[in-house]
Amino acid sequence: MGAYITDLVVVALLIIGITAFMGDITNGIGERLFGGKRRSEYVDQNARFQTGWKAVGGKKK
């Protein structure tokens, strides 16, 4: 009975893990195949938006 529960938990974790990352994996593949010139559009836009922001948190070095 213990082996059955262990197997059930392992399979459940694998299914949940694969399902959780399936969207990210598919999105990454799609951006690389079909992204073209606008591949990093959102990253660049976010970086432009955040220029001049004050860094908060953490320790000063």
PDB file of N, CA and C in Angstrom:
ATOM      1  N   MET A   1       0.826  -1.194   0.000  1.00  0.00           N
ATOM      2  CA  MET A   1       0.000   0.000   0.000  1.00  0.00           C
ATOM      3  C   MET A   1       0.871   1.259   0.000  1.00  0.00           C
ATOM      4  N   GLY A   2       1.985   1.209   0.711  1.00  0.00           N
ATOM      5  CA  GLY A   2       2.899   2.349   0.752  1.00  0.00           C
ATOM      6  C   GLY A   2       3.517   2.622  -0.607  1.00  0.00           C
ATOM      7  N   ALA A   3       3.848   1.547  -1.332  1.00  0.00           N
ATOM      8  CA  ALA A   3       4.428   1.713  -2.665  1.00  0.00           C
ATOM      9  C   ALA A   3       3.413   2.330  -3.623  1.00  0.00           C
ATOM     10  N   TYR A   4       2.157   1.944  -3.486  1.00  0.00           N
ATOM     11  CA  TYR A   4       1.099   2.495  -4.339  1.00  0.00           C
ATOM     12  C   TYR A   4       0.956   3.997  -4.117  1.00  0.00           C
ATOM     13  N   ILE A   5       0.946   4.409  -2.863  1.00  0.00           N
ATOM     14  CA  ILE A   5       0.810   5.831  -2.541  1.00  0.00           C
ATOM     15  C   ILE A   5       2.023   6.608  -3.043  1.00  0.00           C
ATOM     16  N   THR A   6       3.206   6.024  -2.885  1.00  0.00           N
ATOM     17  CA  THR A   6       4.420   6.668  -3.375  1.00  0.00           C
ATOM     18  C   THR A   6       4.360   6.841  -4.889  1.00  0.00           C
ATOM     19  N   ASP A   7       3.975   5.786  -5.603  1.00  0.00           N
ATOM     20  CA  ASP A   7       3.852   5.869  -7.058  1.00  0.00           C
ATOM     21  C   ASP A   7       2.811   6.906  -7.463  1.00  0.00           C
ATOM     22  N   LEU A   8       1.692   6.928  -6.755  1.00  0.00           N
ATOM     23  CA  LEU A   8       0.630   7.880  -7.062  1.00  0.00           C
ATOM     24  C   LEU A   8       1.117   9.319  -6.885  1.00  0.00           C
ATOM     25  N   VAL A   9       1.845   9.571  -5.813  1.00  0.00           N
ATOM     26  CA  VAL A   9       2.359  10.917  -5.552  1.00  0.00           C
ATOM     27  C   VAL A   9       3.384  11.316  -6.610  1.00  0.00           C
ATOM     28  N   VAL A  10       4.272  10.404  -6.974  1.00  0.00           N
ATOM     29  CA  VAL A  10       5.291  10.707  -7.982  1.00  0.00           C
ATOM     30  C   VAL A  10       4.638  11.018  -9.324  1.00  0.00           C
ATOM     31  N   VAL A  11       3.689  10.199  -9.737  1.00  0.00           N
ATOM     32  CA  VAL A  11       3.009  10.426 -11.015  1.00  0.00           C
ATOM     33  C   VAL A  11       2.216  11.731 -10.973  1.00  0.00           C
ATOM     34  N   ALA A  12       1.549  12.003  -9.864  1.00  0.00           N
ATOM     35  CA  ALA A  12       0.785  13.246  -9.741  1.00  0.00           C
ATOM     36  C   ALA A  12       1.706  14.458  -9.842  1.00  0.00           C
ATOM     37  N   LEU A  13       2.852  14.415  -9.180  1.00  0.00           N
ATOM     38  CA  LEU A  13       3.796  15.531  -9.247  1.00  0.00           C
ATOM     39  C   LEU A  13       4.343  15.719 -10.654  1.00  0.00           C
ATOM     40  N   LEU A  14       4.619  14.619 -11.345  1.00  0.00           N
ATOM     41  CA  LEU A  14       5.100  14.723 -12.722  1.00  0.00           C
ATOM     42  C   LEU A  14       4.039  15.336 -13.633  1.00  0.00           C
ATOM     43  N   ILE A  15       2.812  14.892 -13.497  1.00  0.00           N
ATOM     44  CA  ILE A  15       1.736  15.421 -14.339  1.00  0.00           C
ATOM     45  C   ILE A  15       1.514  16.901 -14.059  1.00  0.00           C
ATOM     46  N   ILE A  16       1.482  17.274 -12.790  1.00  0.00           N
ATOM     47  CA  ILE A  16       1.286  18.682 -12.433  1.00  0.00           C
ATOM     48  C   ILE A  16       2.469  19.524 -12.913  1.00  0.00           C
ATOM     49  N   GLY A  17       3.679  19.021 -12.734  1.00  0.00           N
ATOM     50  CA  GLY A  17       4.868  19.760 -13.166  1.00  0.00           C
ATOM     51  C   GLY A  17       4.928  19.951 -14.664  1.00  0.00           C
ATOM     52  N   ILE A  18       4.664  18.893 -15.412  1.00  0.00           N
ATOM     53  CA  ILE A  18       4.690  18.994 -16.871  1.00  0.00           C
ATOM     54  C   ILE A  18       3.598  19.937 -17.355  1.00  0.00           C
ATOM     55  N   THR A  19       2.422  19.840 -16.763  1.00  0.00           N
ATOM     56  CA  THR A  19       1.320  20.716 -17.159  1.00  0.00           C
ATOM     57  C   THR A  19       1.644  22.175 -16.846  1.00  0.00           C
ATOM     58  N   ALA A  20       2.293  22.417 -15.721  1.00  0.00           N
ATOM     59  CA  ALA A  20       2.615  23.788 -15.326  1.00  0.00           C
ATOM     60  C   ALA A  20       3.620  24.424 -16.282  1.00  0.00           C
ATOM     61  N   PHE A  21       4.574  23.657 -16.772  1.00  0.00           N
ATOM     62  CA  PHE A  21       5.610  24.210 -17.634  1.00  0.00           C
ATOM     63  C   PHE A  21       5.298  24.109 -19.117  1.00  0.00           C
ATOM     64  N   MET A  22       4.225  23.422 -19.481  1.00  0.00           N
ATOM     65  CA  MET A  22       3.897  23.241 -20.889  1.00  0.00           C
ATOM     66  C   MET A  22       3.640  24.580 -21.585  1.00  0.00           C
ATOM     67  N   GLY A  23       2.958  25.495 -20.925  1.00  0.00           N
ATOM     68  CA  GLY A  23       2.694  26.801 -21.517  1.00  0.00           C
ATOM     69  C   GLY A  23       3.961  27.606 -21.727  1.00  0.00           C
ATOM     70  N   ASP A  24       4.856  27.586 -20.753  1.00  0.00           N
ATOM     71  CA  ASP A  24       6.120  28.310 -20.892  1.00  0.00           C
ATOM     72  C   ASP A  24       6.979  27.731 -22.001  1.00  0.00           C
ATOM     73  N   ILE A  25       7.031  26.423 -22.066  1.00  0.00           N
ATOM     74  CA  ILE A  25       7.827  25.764 -23.100  1.00  0.00           C
ATOM     75  C   ILE A  25       7.266  26.087 -24.480  1.00  0.00           C
ATOM     76  N   THR A  26       5.953  25.986 -24.631  1.00  0.00           N
ATOM     77  CA  THR A  26       5.318  26.280 -25.916  1.00  0.00           C
ATOM     78  C   THR A  26       5.513  27.739 -26.302  1.00  0.00           C
ATOM     79  N   ASN A  27       5.396  28.645 -25.340  1.00  0.00           N
ATOM     80  CA  ASN A  27       5.599  30.066 -25.613  1.00  0.00           C
ATOM     81  C   ASN A  27       7.034  30.337 -26.057  1.00  0.00           C
ATOM     82  N   GLY A  28       7.994  29.716 -25.395  1.00  0.00           N
ATOM     83  CA  GLY A  28       9.392  29.906 -25.772  1.00  0.00           C
ATOM     84  C   GLY A  28       9.686  29.403 -27.169  1.00  0.00           C
ATOM     85  N   ILE A  29       9.150  28.234 -27.498  1.00  0.00           N
ATOM     86  CA  ILE A  29       9.352  27.682 -28.839  1.00  0.00           C
ATOM     87  C   ILE A  29       8.689  28.585 -29.876  1.00  0.00           C
ATOM     88  N   GLY A  30       7.483  29.042 -29.586  1.00  0.00           N
ATOM     89  CA  GLY A  30       6.781  29.913 -30.525  1.00  0.00           C
ATOM     90  C   GLY A  30       7.494  31.230 -30.754  1.00  0.00           C
ATOM     91  N   GLU A  31       8.039  31.820 -29.694  1.00  0.00           N
ATOM     92  CA  GLU A  31       8.772  33.079 -29.854  1.00  0.00           C
ATOM     93  C   GLU A  31      10.024  32.879 -30.687  1.00  0.00           C
ATOM     94  N   ARG A  32      10.708  31.767 -30.498  1.00  0.00           N
ATOM     95  CA  ARG A  32      11.929  31.530 -31.257  1.00  0.00           C
ATOM     96  C   ARG A  32      11.636  31.223 -32.726  1.00  0.00           C
ATOM     97  N   LEU A  33      10.575  30.485 -32.996  1.00  0.00           N
ATOM     98  CA  LEU A  33      10.266  30.125 -34.376  1.00  0.00           C
ATOM     99  C   LEU A  33       9.575  31.256 -35.132  1.00  0.00           C
ATOM    100  N   PHE A  34       8.632  31.923 -34.487  1.00  0.00           N
ATOM    101  CA  PHE A  34       7.797  32.894 -35.178  1.00  0.00           C
ATOM    102  C   PHE A  34       8.002  34.322 -34.691  1.00  0.00           C
ATOM    103  N   GLY A  35       8.995  34.545 -33.838  1.00  0.00           N
ATOM    104  CA  GLY A  35       9.184  35.869 -33.256  1.00  0.00           C
ATOM    105  C   GLY A  35       9.715  36.900 -34.228  1.00  0.00           C
ATOM    106  N   GLY A  36      10.601  36.494 -35.102  1.00  0.00           N
ATOM    107  CA  GLY A  36      11.178  37.427 -36.070  1.00  0.00           C
ATOM    108  C   GLY A  36      11.945  38.538 -35.384  1.00  0.00           C
ATOM    109  N   LYS A  37      11.755  39.758 -35.879  1.00  0.00           N
ATOM    110  CA  LYS A  37      12.471  40.912 -35.330  1.00  0.00           C
ATOM    111  C   LYS A  37      11.909  41.346 -33.989  1.00  0.00           C
ATOM    112  N   ARG A  38      10.664  41.016 -33.711  1.00  0.00           N
ATOM    113  CA  ARG A  38      10.005  41.498 -32.493  1.00  0.00           C
ATOM    114  C   ARG A  38      10.108  40.486 -31.356  1.00  0.00           C
ATOM    115  N   ARG A  39      11.136  39.682 -31.374  1.00  0.00           N
ATOM    116  CA  ARG A  39      11.275  38.607 -30.396  1.00  0.00           C
ATOM    117  C   ARG A  39      11.345  39.133 -28.969  1.00  0.00           C
ATOM    118  N   SER A  40      12.086  40.205 -28.758  1.00  0.00           N
ATOM    119  CA  SER A  40      12.252  40.738 -27.396  1.00  0.00           C
ATOM    120  C   SER A  40      11.490  42.048 -27.221  1.00  0.00           C
ATOM    121  N   GLU A  41      10.354  42.171 -27.881  1.00  0.00           N
ATOM    122  CA  GLU A  41       9.576  43.415 -27.855  1.00  0.00           C
ATOM    123  C   GLU A  41       9.182  43.805 -26.434  1.00  0.00           C
ATOM    124  N   TYR A  42       8.672  42.875 -25.667  1.00  0.00           N
ATOM    125  CA  TYR A  42       8.176  43.191 -24.329  1.00  0.00           C
ATOM    126  C   TYR A  42       9.317  43.449 -23.355  1.00  0.00           C
ATOM    127  N   VAL A  43      10.414  42.733 -23.510  1.00  0.00           N
ATOM    128  CA  VAL A  43      11.567  42.950 -22.633  1.00  0.00           C
ATOM    129  C   VAL A  43      12.140  44.342 -22.877  1.00  0.00           C
ATOM    130  N   ASP A  44      12.273  44.717 -24.142  1.00  0.00           N
ATOM    131  CA  ASP A  44      12.807  46.041 -24.469  1.00  0.00           C
ATOM    132  C   ASP A  44      11.875  47.148 -23.989  1.00  0.00           C
ATOM    133  N   GLN A  45      10.581  46.963 -24.182  1.00  0.00           N
ATOM    134  CA  GLN A  45       9.611  47.974 -23.764  1.00  0.00           C
ATOM    135  C   GLN A  45       9.631  48.131 -22.244  1.00  0.00           C
ATOM    136  N   ASN A  46       9.746  47.020 -21.534  1.00  0.00           N
ATOM    137  CA  ASN A  46       9.797  47.064 -20.081  1.00  0.00           C
ATOM    138  C   ASN A  46      11.066  47.772 -19.608  1.00  0.00           C
ATOM    139  N   ALA A  47      12.184  47.498 -20.260  1.00  0.00           N
ATOM    140  CA  ALA A  47      13.440  48.148 -19.883  1.00  0.00           C
ATOM    141  C   ALA A  47      13.366  49.654 -20.128  1.00  0.00           C
ATOM    142  N   ARG A  48      12.756  50.067 -21.251  1.00  0.00           N
ATOM    143  CA  ARG A  48      12.599  51.494 -21.525  1.00  0.00           C
ATOM    144  C   ARG A  48      11.695  52.161 -20.494  1.00  0.00           C
ATOM    145  N   PHE A  49      10.666  51.465 -20.100  1.00  0.00           N
ATOM    146  CA  PHE A  49       9.712  52.021 -19.141  1.00  0.00           C
ATOM    147  C   PHE A  49      10.349  52.207 -17.769  1.00  0.00           C
ATOM    148  N   GLN A  50      11.259  51.319 -17.407  1.00  0.00           N
ATOM    149  CA  GLN A  50      11.834  51.343 -16.066  1.00  0.00           C
ATOM    150  C   GLN A  50      13.107  52.170 -15.962  1.00  0.00           C
ATOM    151  N   THR A  51      13.544  52.808 -17.023  1.00  0.00           N
ATOM    152  CA  THR A  51      14.750  53.625 -16.925  1.00  0.00           C
ATOM    153  C   THR A  51      14.483  54.813 -16.013  1.00  0.00           C
ATOM    154  N   GLY A  52      15.434  55.092 -15.161  1.00  0.00           N
ATOM    155  CA  GLY A  52      15.303  56.199 -14.229  1.00  0.00           C
ATOM    156  C   GLY A  52      14.630  55.832 -12.921  1.00  0.00           C
ATOM    157  N   TRP A  53      14.213  54.603 -12.776  1.00  0.00           N
ATOM    158  CA  TRP A  53      13.582  54.188 -11.524  1.00  0.00           C
ATOM    159  C   TRP A  53      14.643  54.056 -10.445  1.00  0.00           C
ATOM    160  N   LYS A  54      14.248  54.350  -9.250  1.00  0.00           N
ATOM    161  CA  LYS A  54      15.134  54.229  -8.108  1.00  0.00           C
ATOM    162  C   LYS A  54      15.171  52.765  -7.673  1.00  0.00           C
ATOM    163  N   ALA A  55      16.367  52.234  -7.438  1.00  0.00           N
ATOM    164  CA  ALA A  55      16.496  50.859  -6.960  1.00  0.00           C
ATOM    165  C   ALA A  55      16.111  50.813  -5.486  1.00  0.00           C
ATOM    166  N   VAL A  56      15.243  49.893  -5.128  1.00  0.00           N
ATOM    167  CA  VAL A  56      14.817  49.766  -3.739  1.00  0.00           C
ATOM    168  C   VAL A  56      15.112  48.360  -3.251  1.00  0.00           C
ATOM    169  N   GLY A  57      15.260  48.225  -1.951  1.00  0.00           N
ATOM    170  CA  GLY A  57      15.490  46.924  -1.337  1.00  0.00           C
ATOM    171  C   GLY A  57      16.927  46.477  -1.489  1.00  0.00           C
ATOM    172  N   GLY A  58      17.263  45.464  -0.752  1.00  0.00           N
ATOM    173  CA  GLY A  58      18.608  44.916  -0.820  1.00  0.00           C
ATOM    174  C   GLY A  58      19.608  45.770  -0.062  1.00  0.00           C
ATOM    175  N   LYS A  59      20.830  45.294  -0.009  1.00  0.00           N
ATOM    176  CA  LYS A  59      21.888  46.011   0.682  1.00  0.00           C
ATOM    177  C   LYS A  59      22.694  46.822  -0.316  1.00  0.00           C
ATOM    178  N   LYS A  60      23.143  47.987   0.123  1.00  0.00           N
ATOM    179  CA  LYS A  60      23.991  48.811  -0.735  1.00  0.00           C
ATOM    180  C   LYS A  60      25.384  48.216  -0.748  1.00  0.00           C
ATOM    181  N   LYS A  61      25.976  48.177  -1.916  1.00  0.00           N
ATOM    182  CA  LYS A  61      27.322  47.591  -2.039  1.00  0.00           C
ATOM    183  C   LYS A  61      28.347  48.674  -2.231  1.00  0.00           C
TER     184      LYS A  61
END
